[in-house]
Amino acid sequence: MKKITVLFLACITTCLVAKAQCDKSIKWTSSQSEFLDTAGNFQHSNAEAVTVTTTPKKINIIRGATEEQAMSGDITNYSCKWKDKKNGKTSFNAELVEPGGKTRHATITIEAINGKTTILLEAPEENTKIRLNVDSFEEIK
């Protein structure tokens, strides 16, 4: 009976941690952008700071140190499945708008496998995909 109780509590704790990851506002940082063609083949990379801030309802992407190279938008079709903090996947759609008004209909996927997290940004308006290798992330309160 003790084993069943311990197993049940472990399952409940794991489920709560995974759900909590989905409900949080997270700031993801990357120091390198990789550009891929539409088939996913590597084209080139840029050493530049990129900050991606996500909530279950909004996304904000800032390239470099200024707001001039920012995009933001509302999130739709939000799907979030995390086993733990080191393994999981979040995907969603967003209509990203730049300060000048240019719009992209993006699909964003954030995926962690064994602690290595990547963010993939795709938009039908672009001939490339952008992959960010996440250096760090933190919860925003």
N, C-alpha and C. Protein backbone atom coordinates (compact mmCIF):
# COMPACT_ATOMS: atom_id res chain seq x y z
N MET A 1 0.82 -1.19 0.00
CA MET A 1 0.00 0.00 0.00
C MET A 1 0.87 1.26 0.00
N LYS A 2 1.99 1.22 0.73
CA LYS A 2 2.88 2.37 0.77
C LYS A 2 3.45 2.66 -0.62
N LYS A 3 3.80 1.61 -1.35
CA LYS A 3 4.36 1.79 -2.70
C LYS A 3 3.35 2.44 -3.63
N ILE A 4 2.11 2.04 -3.53
CA ILE A 4 1.06 2.62 -4.37
C ILE A 4 0.87 4.10 -4.03
N THR A 5 0.87 4.42 -2.75
CA THR A 5 0.71 5.81 -2.32
C THR A 5 1.88 6.66 -2.81
N VAL A 6 3.08 6.17 -2.66
CA VAL A 6 4.27 6.91 -3.10
C VAL A 6 4.24 7.09 -4.62
N LEU A 7 3.90 6.05 -5.35
CA LEU A 7 3.81 6.12 -6.81
C LEU A 7 2.74 7.14 -7.24
N PHE A 8 1.59 7.12 -6.58
CA PHE A 8 0.52 8.06 -6.87
C PHE A 8 0.97 9.50 -6.63
N LEU A 9 1.63 9.75 -5.50
CA LEU A 9 2.11 11.10 -5.19
C LEU A 9 3.18 11.55 -6.19
N ALA A 10 4.04 10.65 -6.61
CA ALA A 10 5.07 10.99 -7.61
C ALA A 10 4.42 11.37 -8.94
N CYS A 11 3.41 10.63 -9.34
CA CYS A 11 2.69 10.94 -10.60
C CYS A 11 2.00 12.29 -10.52
N ILE A 12 1.34 12.57 -9.41
CA ILE A 12 0.65 13.85 -9.23
C ILE A 12 1.65 15.00 -9.26
N THR A 13 2.79 14.85 -8.58
CA THR A 13 3.82 15.89 -8.56
C THR A 13 4.36 16.15 -9.96
N THR A 14 4.65 15.09 -10.71
CA THR A 14 5.15 15.24 -12.07
C THR A 14 4.13 15.97 -12.94
N CYS A 15 2.88 15.62 -12.84
CA CYS A 15 1.83 16.27 -13.63
C CYS A 15 1.72 17.75 -13.27
N LEU A 16 1.80 18.08 -11.99
CA LEU A 16 1.71 19.47 -11.57
C LEU A 16 2.90 20.28 -12.05
N VAL A 17 4.11 19.72 -12.00
CA VAL A 17 5.31 20.42 -12.50
C VAL A 17 5.18 20.66 -13.99
N ALA A 18 4.75 19.67 -14.74
CA ALA A 18 4.60 19.82 -16.20
C ALA A 18 3.54 20.85 -16.53
N LYS A 19 2.40 20.83 -15.83
CA LYS A 19 1.35 21.81 -16.09
C LYS A 19 1.82 23.20 -15.69
N ALA A 20 2.55 23.31 -14.61
CA ALA A 20 3.03 24.61 -14.16
C ALA A 20 3.97 25.23 -15.19
N GLN A 21 4.77 24.43 -15.87
CA GLN A 21 5.66 24.92 -16.93
C GLN A 21 4.83 25.59 -18.02
N CYS A 22 3.67 25.06 -18.34
CA CYS A 22 2.83 25.58 -19.42
C CYS A 22 2.13 26.88 -19.04
N ASP A 23 1.85 27.09 -17.78
CA ASP A 23 1.11 28.26 -17.34
C ASP A 23 1.99 29.46 -17.03
N LYS A 24 3.30 29.32 -17.13
CA LYS A 24 4.22 30.37 -16.72
C LYS A 24 4.58 31.30 -17.87
N SER A 25 5.01 32.49 -17.50
CA SER A 25 5.63 33.42 -18.44
C SER A 25 7.12 33.16 -18.37
N ILE A 26 7.73 32.92 -19.53
CA ILE A 26 9.13 32.54 -19.58
C ILE A 26 9.91 33.48 -20.49
N LYS A 27 11.11 33.84 -20.06
CA LYS A 27 12.05 34.63 -20.88
C LYS A 27 13.16 33.67 -21.32
N TRP A 28 13.25 33.45 -22.65
CA TRP A 28 14.24 32.56 -23.24
C TRP A 28 15.32 33.43 -23.87
N THR A 29 16.59 33.11 -23.68
CA THR A 29 17.66 33.89 -24.31
C THR A 29 18.56 32.98 -25.13
N SER A 30 19.00 33.53 -26.26
CA SER A 30 19.87 32.82 -27.18
C SER A 30 20.95 33.78 -27.66
N SER A 31 22.13 33.27 -27.93
CA SER A 31 23.22 34.12 -28.44
C SER A 31 23.53 33.82 -29.90
N GLN A 32 22.80 32.90 -30.49
CA GLN A 32 23.06 32.54 -31.89
C GLN A 32 21.77 32.13 -32.60
N SER A 33 21.59 32.69 -33.80
CA SER A 33 20.46 32.33 -34.65
C SER A 33 20.97 31.49 -35.81
N GLU A 34 20.31 30.39 -36.06
CA GLU A 34 20.66 29.55 -37.21
C GLU A 34 19.54 29.67 -38.24
N PHE A 35 19.92 29.91 -39.49
CA PHE A 35 18.95 30.05 -40.56
C PHE A 35 18.94 28.76 -41.38
N LEU A 36 17.73 28.24 -41.59
CA LEU A 36 17.53 26.98 -42.30
C LEU A 36 16.67 27.26 -43.54
N ASP A 37 16.84 26.45 -44.59
CA ASP A 37 15.93 26.59 -45.73
C ASP A 37 14.59 25.94 -45.37
N THR A 38 13.63 25.99 -46.27
CA THR A 38 12.30 25.48 -45.97
C THR A 38 12.28 23.97 -45.73
N ALA A 39 13.32 23.27 -46.21
CA ALA A 39 13.42 21.82 -45.97
C ALA A 39 14.12 21.51 -44.64
N GLY A 40 14.62 22.55 -43.95
CA GLY A 40 15.29 22.35 -42.67
C GLY A 40 16.78 22.20 -42.76
N ASN A 41 17.38 22.43 -43.93
CA ASN A 41 18.82 22.34 -44.10
C ASN A 41 19.50 23.62 -43.64
N PHE A 42 20.60 23.49 -42.91
CA PHE A 42 21.34 24.63 -42.39
C PHE A 42 21.87 25.49 -43.53
N GLN A 43 21.69 26.82 -43.41
CA GLN A 43 22.19 27.76 -44.41
C GLN A 43 23.35 28.58 -43.85
N HIS A 44 23.11 29.28 -42.74
CA HIS A 44 24.14 30.08 -42.08
C HIS A 44 23.68 30.44 -40.67
N SER A 45 24.58 31.04 -39.90
CA SER A 45 24.22 31.45 -38.54
C SER A 45 24.69 32.88 -38.29
N ASN A 46 24.06 33.52 -37.33
CA ASN A 46 24.42 34.86 -36.89
C ASN A 46 24.65 34.82 -35.39
N ALA A 47 25.76 35.41 -34.96
CA ALA A 47 26.00 35.55 -33.53
C ALA A 47 25.32 36.83 -33.08
N GLU A 48 24.11 36.71 -32.57
CA GLU A 48 23.36 37.87 -32.10
C GLU A 48 22.48 37.45 -30.94
N ALA A 49 22.30 38.36 -30.02
CA ALA A 49 21.44 38.08 -28.87
C ALA A 49 19.98 38.15 -29.31
N VAL A 50 19.21 37.15 -28.91
CA VAL A 50 17.78 37.13 -29.16
C VAL A 50 17.09 36.78 -27.85
N THR A 51 16.09 37.56 -27.50
CA THR A 51 15.29 37.30 -26.31
C THR A 51 13.85 37.03 -26.74
N VAL A 52 13.32 35.91 -26.32
CA VAL A 52 11.94 35.53 -26.62
C VAL A 52 11.21 35.42 -25.29
N THR A 53 10.14 36.19 -25.16
CA THR A 53 9.32 36.14 -23.96
C THR A 53 7.96 35.57 -24.34
N THR A 54 7.56 34.52 -23.63
CA THR A 54 6.28 33.88 -23.92
C THR A 54 5.40 33.83 -22.68
N THR A 55 4.12 33.98 -22.92
CA THR A 55 3.09 33.69 -21.93
C THR A 55 2.13 32.74 -22.65
N PRO A 56 1.16 32.19 -22.00
CA PRO A 56 0.21 31.37 -22.74
C PRO A 56 -0.61 32.16 -23.77
N LYS A 57 -0.55 33.51 -23.73
CA LYS A 57 -1.36 34.32 -24.64
C LYS A 57 -0.58 35.25 -25.55
N LYS A 58 0.70 35.55 -25.25
CA LYS A 58 1.46 36.53 -26.04
C LYS A 58 2.91 36.07 -26.21
N ILE A 59 3.54 36.59 -27.29
CA ILE A 59 4.95 36.36 -27.53
C ILE A 59 5.60 37.68 -27.92
N ASN A 60 6.84 37.88 -27.48
CA ASN A 60 7.62 39.06 -27.82
C ASN A 60 9.04 38.58 -28.15
N ILE A 61 9.54 38.97 -29.32
CA ILE A 61 10.87 38.57 -29.77
C ILE A 61 11.70 39.82 -30.01
N ILE A 62 12.86 39.91 -29.38
CA ILE A 62 13.75 41.06 -29.54
C ILE A 62 15.11 40.57 -30.02
N ARG A 63 15.52 41.05 -31.20
CA ARG A 63 16.86 40.75 -31.73
C ARG A 63 17.78 41.89 -31.34
N GLY A 64 18.98 41.55 -30.87
CA GLY A 64 19.92 42.59 -30.47
C GLY A 64 19.50 43.24 -29.17
N ALA A 65 19.98 44.47 -28.98
CA ALA A 65 19.75 45.15 -27.70
C ALA A 65 18.66 46.21 -27.77
N THR A 66 18.05 46.41 -28.95
CA THR A 66 17.07 47.48 -29.07
C THR A 66 15.69 46.95 -29.42
N GLU A 67 14.70 47.75 -29.10
CA GLU A 67 13.32 47.41 -29.42
C GLU A 67 13.02 47.60 -30.90
N GLU A 68 13.94 48.23 -31.64
CA GLU A 68 13.73 48.48 -33.07
C GLU A 68 13.63 47.19 -33.86
N GLN A 69 14.27 46.14 -33.38
CA GLN A 69 14.25 44.85 -34.06
C GLN A 69 13.38 43.86 -33.28
N ALA A 70 12.18 44.30 -32.96
CA ALA A 70 11.27 43.48 -32.15
C ALA A 70 10.06 43.06 -32.96
N MET A 71 9.49 41.94 -32.57
CA MET A 71 8.23 41.46 -33.12
C MET A 71 7.40 40.97 -31.94
N SER A 72 6.11 41.15 -32.03
CA SER A 72 5.25 40.63 -30.96
C SER A 72 3.90 40.28 -31.54
N GLY A 73 3.16 39.48 -30.79
CA GLY A 73 1.83 39.10 -31.25
C GLY A 73 1.09 38.23 -30.26
N ASP A 74 -0.17 38.00 -30.58
CA ASP A 74 -1.02 37.15 -29.77
C ASP A 74 -0.83 35.69 -30.20
N ILE A 75 -0.93 34.81 -29.23
CA ILE A 75 -0.75 33.37 -29.46
C ILE A 75 -2.12 32.71 -29.68
N THR A 76 -2.15 31.83 -30.69
CA THR A 76 -3.33 31.00 -30.93
C THR A 76 -2.88 29.55 -31.08
N ASN A 77 -3.80 28.64 -31.01
CA ASN A 77 -3.52 27.20 -31.16
C ASN A 77 -2.39 26.74 -30.25
N TYR A 78 -2.46 27.12 -29.00
CA TYR A 78 -1.42 26.82 -28.01
C TYR A 78 -1.49 25.37 -27.56
N SER A 79 -0.36 24.67 -27.69
CA SER A 79 -0.26 23.28 -27.24
C SER A 79 0.99 23.16 -26.38
N CYS A 80 0.85 22.60 -25.21
CA CYS A 80 1.97 22.53 -24.28
C CYS A 80 1.98 21.17 -23.59
N LYS A 81 3.10 20.45 -23.77
CA LYS A 81 3.26 19.13 -23.14
C LYS A 81 4.69 19.00 -22.63
N TRP A 82 4.87 19.06 -21.33
CA TRP A 82 6.19 18.94 -20.71
C TRP A 82 6.15 17.80 -19.71
N LYS A 83 7.13 16.89 -19.83
CA LYS A 83 7.28 15.81 -18.86
C LYS A 83 7.92 16.35 -17.58
N ASP A 84 8.93 17.21 -17.77
CA ASP A 84 9.63 17.87 -16.68
C ASP A 84 10.30 19.11 -17.28
N LYS A 85 11.12 19.81 -16.50
CA LYS A 85 11.74 21.04 -17.00
C LYS A 85 12.78 20.81 -18.09
N LYS A 86 13.26 19.58 -18.23
CA LYS A 86 14.30 19.29 -19.22
C LYS A 86 13.78 18.61 -20.48
N ASN A 87 12.52 18.22 -20.48
CA ASN A 87 11.94 17.50 -21.62
C ASN A 87 10.50 17.93 -21.83
N GLY A 88 10.24 18.47 -23.02
CA GLY A 88 8.88 18.87 -23.32
C GLY A 88 8.80 19.67 -24.60
N LYS A 89 7.58 20.05 -24.92
CA LYS A 89 7.37 20.77 -26.17
C LYS A 89 6.17 21.69 -26.04
N THR A 90 6.35 22.90 -26.54
CA THR A 90 5.28 23.87 -26.65
C THR A 90 5.24 24.32 -28.10
N SER A 91 4.07 24.37 -28.68
CA SER A 91 3.94 24.89 -30.04
C SER A 91 2.70 25.76 -30.13
N PHE A 92 2.76 26.75 -31.00
CA PHE A 92 1.64 27.67 -31.16
C PHE A 92 1.81 28.48 -32.44
N ASN A 93 0.75 29.18 -32.80
CA ASN A 93 0.77 30.10 -33.92
C ASN A 93 0.70 31.51 -33.36
N ALA A 94 1.26 32.45 -34.11
CA ALA A 94 1.19 33.85 -33.71
C ALA A 94 1.28 34.73 -34.94
N GLU A 95 0.55 35.81 -34.94
CA GLU A 95 0.67 36.81 -35.98
C GLU A 95 1.66 37.85 -35.44
N LEU A 96 2.92 37.73 -35.89
CA LEU A 96 3.98 38.59 -35.38
C LEU A 96 4.01 39.90 -36.18
N VAL A 97 4.04 41.00 -35.46
CA VAL A 97 4.04 42.32 -36.08
C VAL A 97 5.30 43.06 -35.66
N GLU A 98 6.02 43.61 -36.65
CA GLU A 98 7.20 44.44 -36.40
C GLU A 98 6.77 45.88 -36.14
N PRO A 99 7.65 46.72 -35.56
CA PRO A 99 7.29 48.12 -35.31
C PRO A 99 6.84 48.86 -36.59
N GLY A 100 7.40 48.53 -37.75
CA GLY A 100 7.00 49.17 -39.00
C GLY A 100 5.68 48.67 -39.55
N GLY A 101 5.11 47.63 -38.95
CA GLY A 101 3.81 47.12 -39.36
C GLY A 101 3.85 45.84 -40.19
N LYS A 102 5.05 45.37 -40.58
CA LYS A 102 5.13 44.13 -41.35
C LYS A 102 4.65 42.97 -40.48
N THR A 103 3.82 42.10 -41.08
CA THR A 103 3.22 40.99 -40.34
C THR A 103 3.70 39.65 -40.90
N ARG A 104 3.93 38.71 -40.01
CA ARG A 104 4.26 37.33 -40.39
C ARG A 104 3.32 36.40 -39.62
N HIS A 105 2.82 35.39 -40.31
CA HIS A 105 1.95 34.40 -39.69
C HIS A 105 2.82 33.22 -39.30
N ALA A 106 3.31 33.24 -38.08
CA ALA A 106 4.35 32.31 -37.65
C ALA A 106 3.81 31.11 -36.89
N THR A 107 4.57 30.03 -37.04
CA THR A 107 4.42 28.84 -36.20
C THR A 107 5.70 28.76 -35.38
N ILE A 108 5.55 28.70 -34.07
CA ILE A 108 6.71 28.67 -33.17
C ILE A 108 6.66 27.37 -32.38
N THR A 109 7.80 26.70 -32.33
CA THR A 109 7.93 25.46 -31.56
C THR A 109 9.09 25.61 -30.59
N ILE A 110 8.83 25.40 -29.32
CA ILE A 110 9.86 25.40 -28.28
C ILE A 110 9.95 23.97 -27.80
N GLU A 111 11.15 23.39 -27.92
CA GLU A 111 11.31 21.98 -27.57
C GLU A 111 12.57 21.77 -26.76
N ALA A 112 12.45 21.00 -25.70
CA ALA A 112 13.60 20.63 -24.86
C ALA A 112 13.74 19.12 -24.87
N ILE A 113 14.95 18.66 -25.15
CA ILE A 113 15.27 17.24 -25.11
C ILE A 113 16.53 17.10 -24.27
N ASN A 114 16.41 16.40 -23.16
CA ASN A 114 17.52 16.19 -22.23
C ASN A 114 18.20 17.50 -21.85
N GLY A 115 17.42 18.55 -21.63
CA GLY A 115 17.95 19.83 -21.17
C GLY A 115 18.43 20.77 -22.27
N LYS A 116 18.47 20.31 -23.53
CA LYS A 116 18.87 21.19 -24.63
C LYS A 116 17.59 21.74 -25.28
N THR A 117 17.42 23.06 -25.19
CA THR A 117 16.20 23.69 -25.66
C THR A 117 16.45 24.47 -26.94
N THR A 118 15.53 24.31 -27.89
CA THR A 118 15.58 25.07 -29.14
C THR A 118 14.23 25.71 -29.39
N ILE A 119 14.26 26.83 -30.11
CA ILE A 119 13.05 27.51 -30.55
C ILE A 119 13.12 27.57 -32.06
N LEU A 120 12.09 27.11 -32.73
CA LEU A 120 12.03 27.13 -34.19
C LEU A 120 10.90 28.07 -34.61
N LEU A 121 11.26 29.07 -35.44
CA LEU A 121 10.28 30.03 -35.94
C LEU A 121 10.13 29.81 -37.44
N GLU A 122 8.88 29.62 -37.88
CA GLU A 122 8.58 29.41 -39.29
C GLU A 122 7.45 30.35 -39.69
N ALA A 123 7.54 30.90 -40.91
CA ALA A 123 6.47 31.75 -41.43
C ALA A 123 6.38 31.55 -42.93
N PRO A 124 5.17 31.37 -43.47
CA PRO A 124 5.04 31.16 -44.91
C PRO A 124 5.51 32.37 -45.74
N GLU A 125 5.59 33.54 -45.13
CA GLU A 125 6.04 34.73 -45.83
C GLU A 125 7.55 34.75 -46.05
N GLU A 126 8.28 33.86 -45.40
CA GLU A 126 9.74 33.84 -45.46
C GLU A 126 10.23 32.56 -46.14
N ASN A 127 11.40 32.65 -46.77
CA ASN A 127 12.03 31.48 -47.41
C ASN A 127 12.96 30.73 -46.47
N THR A 128 13.05 31.19 -45.23
CA THR A 128 13.92 30.55 -44.26
C THR A 128 13.17 30.31 -42.95
N LYS A 129 13.69 29.37 -42.19
CA LYS A 129 13.25 29.13 -40.83
C LYS A 129 14.39 29.61 -39.93
N ILE A 130 14.07 30.00 -38.72
CA ILE A 130 15.09 30.43 -37.77
C ILE A 130 15.04 29.50 -36.57
N ARG A 131 16.22 28.96 -36.23
CA ARG A 131 16.33 28.09 -35.05
C ARG A 131 17.22 28.80 -34.04
N LEU A 132 16.72 28.92 -32.84
CA LEU A 132 17.48 29.52 -31.74
C LEU A 132 17.85 28.43 -30.76
N ASN A 133 19.13 28.31 -30.46
CA ASN A 133 19.59 27.40 -29.42
C ASN A 133 19.57 28.18 -28.11
N VAL A 134 18.71 27.81 -27.22
CA VAL A 134 18.48 28.55 -25.99
C VAL A 134 19.66 28.35 -25.04
N ASP A 135 20.26 29.47 -24.62
CA ASP A 135 21.35 29.44 -23.64
C ASP A 135 20.81 29.37 -22.22
N SER A 136 19.73 30.10 -21.98
CA SER A 136 19.14 30.12 -20.63
C SER A 136 17.68 30.54 -20.73
N PHE A 137 16.96 30.24 -19.66
CA PHE A 137 15.57 30.69 -19.55
C PHE A 137 15.25 30.90 -18.09
N GLU A 138 14.28 31.79 -17.88
CA GLU A 138 13.87 32.08 -16.51
C GLU A 138 12.39 32.43 -16.49
N GLU A 139 11.77 32.12 -15.39
CA GLU A 139 10.38 32.46 -15.21
C GLU A 139 10.27 33.96 -14.91
N ILE A 140 9.28 34.60 -15.51
CA ILE A 140 9.01 36.00 -15.26
C ILE A 140 7.80 36.07 -14.35
N LYS A 141 7.92 36.78 -13.29
CA LYS A 141 6.79 36.88 -12.33
C LYS A 141 6.08 38.18 -12.49
